[in-house]
């Protein structure tokens, strides 16, 4: 019985690695190269297709990050997960006034270097400018 459990666990792990490798194989080489050039020390990298772009999620220096590249390998966005308590007070106050409990937070930087804050609440993402002013609810 114990051997069967070990064999099942190994097969499941192998299946996950094969699925990840298959998804990685669809990422254009120019995108993979651009990512590797900028994030050589990234660990646990996973890729997702976003419309015409590719998003790499990973950990680096103990932080959870993601970056988005267009099909030509140009980075268009980066996202750094952060504790909710590190969001600007204006963001937290706004969400509280809307009776929204923030479950996750991130700092987003676009290709031009403009910084935004993202607060996830109730299954939706809310976007704020660098001053903490609401910009829009993502997906609207």
N, C-alpha and C. Protein backbone atom coordinates (compact mmCIF):
# COMPACT_ATOMS: atom_id res chain seq x y z
N UNK A 1 0.83 -1.19 0.00
CA UNK A 1 0.00 0.00 0.00
C UNK A 1 0.87 1.26 0.00
N UNK A 2 1.90 1.25 0.87
CA UNK A 2 2.80 2.40 0.97
C UNK A 2 3.50 2.64 -0.37
N UNK A 3 3.93 1.55 -1.04
CA UNK A 3 4.60 1.68 -2.33
C UNK A 3 3.65 2.25 -3.38
N UNK A 4 2.37 1.86 -3.32
CA UNK A 4 1.39 2.39 -4.27
C UNK A 4 1.21 3.90 -4.08
N UNK A 5 1.17 4.35 -2.83
CA UNK A 5 1.04 5.78 -2.56
C UNK A 5 2.25 6.55 -3.06
N UNK A 6 3.43 6.00 -2.85
CA UNK A 6 4.65 6.66 -3.31
C UNK A 6 4.65 6.72 -4.84
N UNK A 7 4.28 5.62 -5.49
CA UNK A 7 4.24 5.59 -6.96
C UNK A 7 3.22 6.60 -7.49
N UNK A 8 2.07 6.69 -6.84
CA UNK A 8 1.04 7.65 -7.28
C UNK A 8 1.53 9.07 -7.13
N UNK A 9 2.21 9.37 -6.03
CA UNK A 9 2.74 10.71 -5.80
C UNK A 9 3.79 11.06 -6.85
N UNK A 10 4.66 10.12 -7.17
CA UNK A 10 5.68 10.36 -8.18
C UNK A 10 5.06 10.61 -9.55
N UNK A 11 4.05 9.81 -9.90
CA UNK A 11 3.38 9.99 -11.19
C UNK A 11 2.68 11.34 -11.27
N UNK A 12 2.04 11.75 -10.18
CA UNK A 12 1.35 13.04 -10.17
C UNK A 12 2.37 14.17 -10.34
N UNK A 13 3.50 14.08 -9.64
CA UNK A 13 4.54 15.09 -9.78
C UNK A 13 5.09 15.15 -11.19
N UNK A 14 5.30 13.99 -11.78
CA UNK A 14 5.78 13.92 -13.16
C UNK A 14 4.76 14.53 -14.11
N UNK A 15 3.48 14.25 -13.90
CA UNK A 15 2.42 14.81 -14.75
C UNK A 15 2.40 16.32 -14.67
N UNK A 16 2.56 16.88 -13.46
CA UNK A 16 2.58 18.33 -13.30
C UNK A 16 3.76 18.94 -14.01
N UNK A 17 4.94 18.30 -13.92
CA UNK A 17 6.11 18.81 -14.60
C UNK A 17 5.96 18.75 -16.10
N UNK A 18 5.35 17.69 -16.61
CA UNK A 18 5.10 17.58 -18.05
C UNK A 18 4.14 18.67 -18.49
N UNK A 19 3.07 18.91 -17.74
CA UNK A 19 2.10 19.96 -18.09
C UNK A 19 2.78 21.32 -18.09
N UNK A 20 3.64 21.59 -17.09
CA UNK A 20 4.34 22.86 -17.03
C UNK A 20 5.28 22.99 -18.22
N UNK A 21 6.00 21.92 -18.54
CA UNK A 21 6.92 21.94 -19.67
C UNK A 21 6.18 22.19 -20.97
N UNK A 22 5.00 21.59 -21.11
CA UNK A 22 4.22 21.81 -22.33
C UNK A 22 3.79 23.27 -22.42
N UNK A 23 3.37 23.87 -21.31
CA UNK A 23 2.95 25.27 -21.35
C UNK A 23 4.15 26.16 -21.60
N UNK A 24 5.33 25.83 -20.99
CA UNK A 24 6.54 26.60 -21.23
C UNK A 24 6.96 26.51 -22.69
N UNK A 25 6.72 25.37 -23.32
CA UNK A 25 7.15 25.19 -24.70
C UNK A 25 6.37 26.07 -25.66
N UNK A 26 5.21 26.57 -25.25
CA UNK A 26 4.41 27.44 -26.11
C UNK A 26 4.86 28.89 -26.04
N UNK A 27 5.65 29.24 -25.02
CA UNK A 27 6.13 30.60 -24.86
C UNK A 27 7.18 30.88 -25.94
N UNK A 28 7.02 31.96 -26.72
CA UNK A 28 8.00 32.26 -27.76
C UNK A 28 9.42 32.40 -27.18
N UNK A 29 10.40 31.92 -27.91
CA UNK A 29 11.79 31.95 -27.43
C UNK A 29 12.23 33.38 -27.13
N UNK A 30 11.81 34.35 -27.92
CA UNK A 30 12.20 35.74 -27.69
C UNK A 30 11.70 36.23 -26.32
N UNK A 31 10.54 35.74 -25.91
CA UNK A 31 9.98 36.11 -24.60
C UNK A 31 10.78 35.44 -23.49
N UNK A 32 11.07 34.15 -23.67
CA UNK A 32 11.86 33.44 -22.66
C UNK A 32 13.24 34.08 -22.48
N UNK A 33 13.86 34.46 -23.59
CA UNK A 33 15.19 35.08 -23.54
C UNK A 33 15.13 36.43 -22.84
N UNK A 34 14.13 37.24 -23.16
CA UNK A 34 13.97 38.55 -22.50
C UNK A 34 13.78 38.37 -21.00
N UNK A 35 12.98 37.39 -20.63
CA UNK A 35 12.75 37.12 -19.21
C UNK A 35 14.05 36.71 -18.53
N UNK A 36 14.76 35.75 -19.13
CA UNK A 36 16.00 35.25 -18.55
C UNK A 36 17.06 36.34 -18.41
N UNK A 37 17.09 37.27 -19.36
CA UNK A 37 18.05 38.38 -19.30
C UNK A 37 17.79 39.29 -18.11
N UNK A 38 16.52 39.52 -17.79
CA UNK A 38 16.17 40.45 -16.71
C UNK A 38 16.01 39.77 -15.35
N UNK A 39 15.66 38.50 -15.34
CA UNK A 39 15.33 37.82 -14.09
C UNK A 39 16.08 36.49 -13.98
N UNK A 40 17.39 36.55 -14.13
CA UNK A 40 18.21 35.33 -14.16
C UNK A 40 18.12 34.51 -12.88
N UNK A 41 17.81 35.14 -11.75
CA UNK A 41 17.77 34.41 -10.47
C UNK A 41 16.35 34.01 -10.07
N UNK A 42 15.40 34.15 -10.99
CA UNK A 42 14.00 33.80 -10.69
C UNK A 42 13.88 32.31 -10.43
N UNK A 43 12.99 31.98 -9.52
CA UNK A 43 12.74 30.58 -9.16
C UNK A 43 11.25 30.29 -9.31
N UNK A 44 10.91 29.01 -9.50
CA UNK A 44 9.52 28.55 -9.60
C UNK A 44 8.73 29.35 -10.63
N UNK A 45 9.28 29.48 -11.82
CA UNK A 45 8.65 30.27 -12.89
C UNK A 45 7.52 29.47 -13.53
N UNK A 46 6.36 30.10 -13.65
CA UNK A 46 5.24 29.52 -14.40
C UNK A 46 4.78 30.56 -15.41
N UNK A 47 4.29 30.10 -16.53
CA UNK A 47 3.87 30.98 -17.62
C UNK A 47 2.37 30.85 -17.86
N UNK A 48 1.74 31.98 -18.19
CA UNK A 48 0.34 32.01 -18.58
C UNK A 48 0.20 32.93 -19.78
N UNK A 49 -0.69 32.56 -20.68
CA UNK A 49 -1.00 33.40 -21.84
C UNK A 49 -2.07 34.39 -21.43
N UNK A 50 -1.86 35.68 -21.72
CA UNK A 50 -2.83 36.73 -21.44
C UNK A 50 -3.10 37.47 -22.75
N UNK A 51 -4.21 37.19 -23.38
CA UNK A 51 -4.51 37.77 -24.69
C UNK A 51 -3.33 37.51 -25.63
N UNK A 52 -2.65 38.57 -26.04
CA UNK A 52 -1.51 38.42 -26.96
C UNK A 52 -0.17 38.49 -26.22
N UNK A 53 -0.22 38.49 -24.90
CA UNK A 53 0.98 38.62 -24.08
C UNK A 53 1.23 37.35 -23.27
N UNK A 54 2.40 37.32 -22.63
CA UNK A 54 2.79 36.19 -21.79
C UNK A 54 3.15 36.71 -20.42
N UNK A 55 2.60 36.05 -19.38
CA UNK A 55 2.89 36.45 -18.01
C UNK A 55 3.70 35.36 -17.32
N UNK A 56 4.82 35.78 -16.75
CA UNK A 56 5.66 34.87 -15.95
C UNK A 56 5.43 35.21 -14.49
N UNK A 57 5.06 34.21 -13.70
CA UNK A 57 4.92 34.36 -12.25
C UNK A 57 6.07 33.61 -11.62
N UNK A 58 6.69 34.21 -10.59
CA UNK A 58 7.90 33.61 -10.03
C UNK A 58 8.22 34.20 -8.67
N UNK A 59 9.23 33.62 -8.03
CA UNK A 59 9.76 34.20 -6.81
C UNK A 59 11.21 34.60 -7.07
N UNK A 60 11.62 35.70 -6.44
CA UNK A 60 12.99 36.18 -6.58
C UNK A 60 13.32 36.99 -5.35
N UNK A 61 14.43 36.69 -4.75
CA UNK A 61 14.86 37.38 -3.53
C UNK A 61 13.78 37.35 -2.45
N UNK A 62 13.07 36.23 -2.36
CA UNK A 62 12.05 36.07 -1.33
C UNK A 62 10.74 36.79 -1.61
N UNK A 63 10.60 37.38 -2.79
CA UNK A 63 9.37 38.11 -3.14
C UNK A 63 8.62 37.38 -4.25
N UNK A 64 7.29 37.48 -4.20
CA UNK A 64 6.46 36.91 -5.25
C UNK A 64 6.19 38.00 -6.28
N UNK A 65 6.50 37.70 -7.52
CA UNK A 65 6.41 38.69 -8.59
C UNK A 65 5.74 38.09 -9.82
N UNK A 66 5.36 38.97 -10.73
CA UNK A 66 4.97 38.55 -12.07
C UNK A 66 5.33 39.67 -13.03
N UNK A 67 5.60 39.28 -14.26
CA UNK A 67 5.91 40.25 -15.31
C UNK A 67 5.18 39.83 -16.57
N UNK A 68 4.83 40.81 -17.37
CA UNK A 68 4.12 40.56 -18.62
C UNK A 68 4.99 41.04 -19.77
N UNK A 69 5.12 40.18 -20.78
CA UNK A 69 5.87 40.50 -21.99
C UNK A 69 4.94 40.40 -23.19
N UNK A 70 5.15 41.29 -24.17
CA UNK A 70 4.40 41.14 -25.42
C UNK A 70 5.08 40.04 -26.24
N UNK A 71 4.50 39.69 -27.36
CA UNK A 71 5.01 38.58 -28.17
C UNK A 71 6.40 38.85 -28.74
N UNK A 72 6.84 40.14 -28.73
CA UNK A 72 8.16 40.50 -29.23
C UNK A 72 9.22 40.52 -28.13
N UNK A 73 8.82 40.18 -26.90
CA UNK A 73 9.77 40.14 -25.80
C UNK A 73 9.93 41.45 -25.05
N UNK A 74 9.05 42.41 -25.31
CA UNK A 74 9.11 43.69 -24.59
C UNK A 74 8.29 43.57 -23.31
N UNK A 75 8.91 43.92 -22.18
CA UNK A 75 8.19 43.89 -20.91
C UNK A 75 7.21 45.05 -20.85
N UNK A 76 5.95 44.74 -20.57
CA UNK A 76 4.91 45.77 -20.54
C UNK A 76 4.40 46.07 -19.14
N UNK A 77 4.69 45.18 -18.18
CA UNK A 77 4.19 45.38 -16.82
C UNK A 77 4.95 44.48 -15.86
N UNK A 78 5.08 44.96 -14.62
CA UNK A 78 5.60 44.10 -13.56
C UNK A 78 4.70 44.26 -12.34
N UNK A 79 4.62 43.22 -11.56
CA UNK A 79 3.76 43.23 -10.38
C UNK A 79 4.51 42.60 -9.22
N UNK A 80 4.45 43.26 -8.08
CA UNK A 80 5.09 42.78 -6.86
C UNK A 80 4.03 42.63 -5.78
N UNK A 81 3.83 41.40 -5.31
CA UNK A 81 2.87 41.18 -4.22
C UNK A 81 3.40 41.87 -2.98
N UNK A 82 2.47 42.41 -2.18
CA UNK A 82 2.86 43.10 -0.97
C UNK A 82 1.82 42.86 0.12
N UNK A 83 2.21 43.01 1.39
CA UNK A 83 1.23 42.89 2.46
C UNK A 83 0.19 44.01 2.34
N UNK A 84 -1.04 43.70 2.66
CA UNK A 84 -2.13 44.68 2.60
C UNK A 84 -1.77 45.92 3.42
N UNK A 85 -1.13 45.73 4.55
CA UNK A 85 -0.78 46.85 5.44
C UNK A 85 0.19 47.83 4.79
N UNK A 86 0.88 47.41 3.71
CA UNK A 86 1.82 48.31 3.04
C UNK A 86 1.16 49.13 1.93
N UNK A 87 -0.10 48.87 1.65
CA UNK A 87 -0.82 49.72 0.70
C UNK A 87 -0.90 51.13 1.27
N UNK A 88 -0.93 52.16 0.42
CA UNK A 88 -1.10 53.52 0.95
C UNK A 88 -2.39 53.61 1.79
N UNK A 89 -2.35 54.41 2.81
CA UNK A 89 -3.50 54.58 3.70
C UNK A 89 -4.73 55.00 2.90
N UNK A 90 -4.55 55.83 1.87
CA UNK A 90 -5.70 56.29 1.07
C UNK A 90 -6.41 55.11 0.39
N UNK A 91 -5.64 54.11 -0.04
CA UNK A 91 -6.23 52.92 -0.67
C UNK A 91 -7.03 52.14 0.37
N UNK A 92 -6.40 51.90 1.51
CA UNK A 92 -7.08 51.13 2.56
C UNK A 92 -8.33 51.85 3.05
N UNK A 93 -8.26 53.17 3.19
CA UNK A 93 -9.42 53.94 3.65
C UNK A 93 -10.55 53.89 2.62
N UNK A 94 -10.20 54.01 1.35
CA UNK A 94 -11.21 53.95 0.29
C UNK A 94 -11.92 52.60 0.31
N UNK A 95 -11.15 51.53 0.37
CA UNK A 95 -11.74 50.19 0.35
C UNK A 95 -12.62 49.98 1.59
N UNK A 96 -12.18 50.49 2.72
CA UNK A 96 -12.99 50.38 3.94
C UNK A 96 -14.29 51.16 3.79
N UNK A 97 -14.23 52.34 3.17
CA UNK A 97 -15.44 53.15 2.97
C UNK A 97 -16.43 52.46 2.03
N UNK A 98 -15.92 51.59 1.18
CA UNK A 98 -16.76 50.83 0.24
C UNK A 98 -17.19 49.49 0.83
N UNK A 99 -16.81 49.28 2.11
CA UNK A 99 -17.13 48.02 2.81
C UNK A 99 -16.54 46.81 2.09
N UNK A 100 -15.32 46.99 1.60
CA UNK A 100 -14.59 45.93 0.89
C UNK A 100 -13.41 45.49 1.75
N UNK A 101 -13.29 44.20 2.01
CA UNK A 101 -12.17 43.66 2.74
C UNK A 101 -11.09 43.23 1.76
N UNK A 102 -9.93 43.82 1.86
CA UNK A 102 -8.83 43.53 0.95
C UNK A 102 -8.21 42.18 1.32
N UNK A 103 -8.15 41.30 0.35
CA UNK A 103 -7.60 39.96 0.55
C UNK A 103 -6.14 39.86 0.07
N UNK A 104 -5.77 40.67 -0.93
CA UNK A 104 -4.42 40.63 -1.48
C UNK A 104 -4.09 42.01 -2.04
N UNK A 105 -2.79 42.30 -2.11
CA UNK A 105 -2.35 43.61 -2.60
C UNK A 105 -1.10 43.46 -3.45
N UNK A 106 -0.92 44.42 -4.35
CA UNK A 106 0.27 44.41 -5.20
C UNK A 106 0.60 45.82 -5.66
N UNK A 107 1.87 46.00 -5.98
CA UNK A 107 2.32 47.23 -6.62
C UNK A 107 2.60 46.88 -8.07
N UNK A 108 2.02 47.63 -8.99
CA UNK A 108 2.16 47.36 -10.42
C UNK A 108 2.90 48.53 -11.07
N UNK A 109 3.85 48.20 -11.93
CA UNK A 109 4.57 49.23 -12.67
C UNK A 109 4.40 48.93 -14.15
N UNK A 110 3.92 49.94 -14.90
CA UNK A 110 3.71 49.72 -16.33
C UNK A 110 5.01 49.97 -17.10
N UNK A 111 4.97 49.81 -18.41
CA UNK A 111 6.17 49.93 -19.25
C UNK A 111 6.79 51.33 -19.18
N UNK A 112 5.98 52.35 -18.90
CA UNK A 112 6.47 53.72 -18.81
C UNK A 112 7.03 54.04 -17.42
N UNK A 113 6.93 53.08 -16.50
CA UNK A 113 7.42 53.31 -15.14
C UNK A 113 6.39 53.88 -14.19
N UNK A 114 5.16 54.00 -14.64
CA UNK A 114 4.09 54.53 -13.80
C UNK A 114 3.65 53.45 -12.81
N UNK A 115 3.52 53.85 -11.54
CA UNK A 115 3.19 52.92 -10.47
C UNK A 115 1.70 52.99 -10.14
N UNK A 116 1.12 51.81 -9.93
CA UNK A 116 -0.27 51.66 -9.51
C UNK A 116 -0.30 50.69 -8.33
N UNK A 117 -1.39 50.73 -7.61
CA UNK A 117 -1.62 49.75 -6.54
C UNK A 117 -2.87 48.97 -6.87
N UNK A 118 -2.83 47.69 -6.56
CA UNK A 118 -3.97 46.81 -6.82
C UNK A 118 -4.42 46.23 -5.49
N UNK A 119 -5.72 46.28 -5.27
CA UNK A 119 -6.31 45.68 -4.08
C UNK A 119 -7.36 44.69 -4.54
N UNK A 120 -7.25 43.44 -4.10
CA UNK A 120 -8.22 42.41 -4.48
C UNK A 120 -9.21 42.25 -3.33
N UNK A 121 -10.48 42.35 -3.68
CA UNK A 121 -11.55 42.21 -2.68
C UNK A 121 -12.78 41.63 -3.36
N UNK A 122 -13.39 40.67 -2.73
CA UNK A 122 -14.60 40.08 -3.26
C UNK A 122 -14.42 39.47 -4.64
N UNK A 123 -13.24 38.96 -4.93
CA UNK A 123 -12.97 38.34 -6.22
C UNK A 123 -12.73 39.33 -7.34
N UNK A 124 -12.63 40.63 -7.02
CA UNK A 124 -12.38 41.66 -8.04
C UNK A 124 -11.12 42.42 -7.69
N UNK A 125 -10.46 42.94 -8.72
CA UNK A 125 -9.26 43.74 -8.53
C UNK A 125 -9.61 45.21 -8.70
N UNK A 126 -9.14 46.03 -7.76
CA UNK A 126 -9.36 47.48 -7.80
C UNK A 126 -8.01 48.14 -8.00
N UNK A 127 -7.95 49.10 -8.91
CA UNK A 127 -6.69 49.74 -9.27
C UNK A 127 -6.68 51.18 -8.79
N UNK A 128 -5.52 51.60 -8.25
CA UNK A 128 -5.34 52.94 -7.71
C UNK A 128 -4.06 53.53 -8.27
N UNK A 129 -4.03 54.87 -8.45
CA UNK A 129 -2.80 55.50 -8.91
C UNK A 129 -1.80 55.57 -7.76
N UNK A 130 -0.62 56.13 -8.03
CA UNK A 130 0.44 56.17 -7.03
C UNK A 130 0.05 56.98 -5.79
N UNK A 131 -0.89 57.91 -5.95
CA UNK A 131 -1.36 58.72 -4.81
C UNK A 131 -2.47 58.01 -4.05
N UNK A 132 -2.90 56.87 -4.55
CA UNK A 132 -3.94 56.10 -3.86
C UNK A 132 -5.35 56.45 -4.29
N UNK A 133 -5.49 57.17 -5.40
CA UNK A 133 -6.79 57.55 -5.94
C UNK A 133 -7.32 56.42 -6.83
N UNK A 134 -8.59 56.02 -6.67
CA UNK A 134 -9.14 54.96 -7.53
C UNK A 134 -9.02 55.31 -9.00
N UNK A 135 -8.58 54.34 -9.78
CA UNK A 135 -8.46 54.52 -11.21
C UNK A 135 -9.62 53.81 -11.90
N UNK A 136 -9.77 52.53 -11.59
CA UNK A 136 -10.85 51.74 -12.16
C UNK A 136 -10.86 50.39 -11.48
N UNK A 137 -11.91 49.68 -11.66
CA UNK A 137 -11.97 48.28 -11.22
C UNK A 137 -11.59 47.46 -12.44
N UNK A 138 -10.55 46.66 -12.33
CA UNK A 138 -10.09 45.87 -13.47
C UNK A 138 -11.19 44.91 -13.88
N UNK A 139 -11.42 44.83 -15.16
CA UNK A 139 -12.45 43.93 -15.66
C UNK A 139 -13.75 44.65 -15.97
N UNK A 140 -13.85 45.91 -15.59
CA UNK A 140 -15.06 46.70 -15.92
C UNK A 140 -14.99 47.20 -17.34
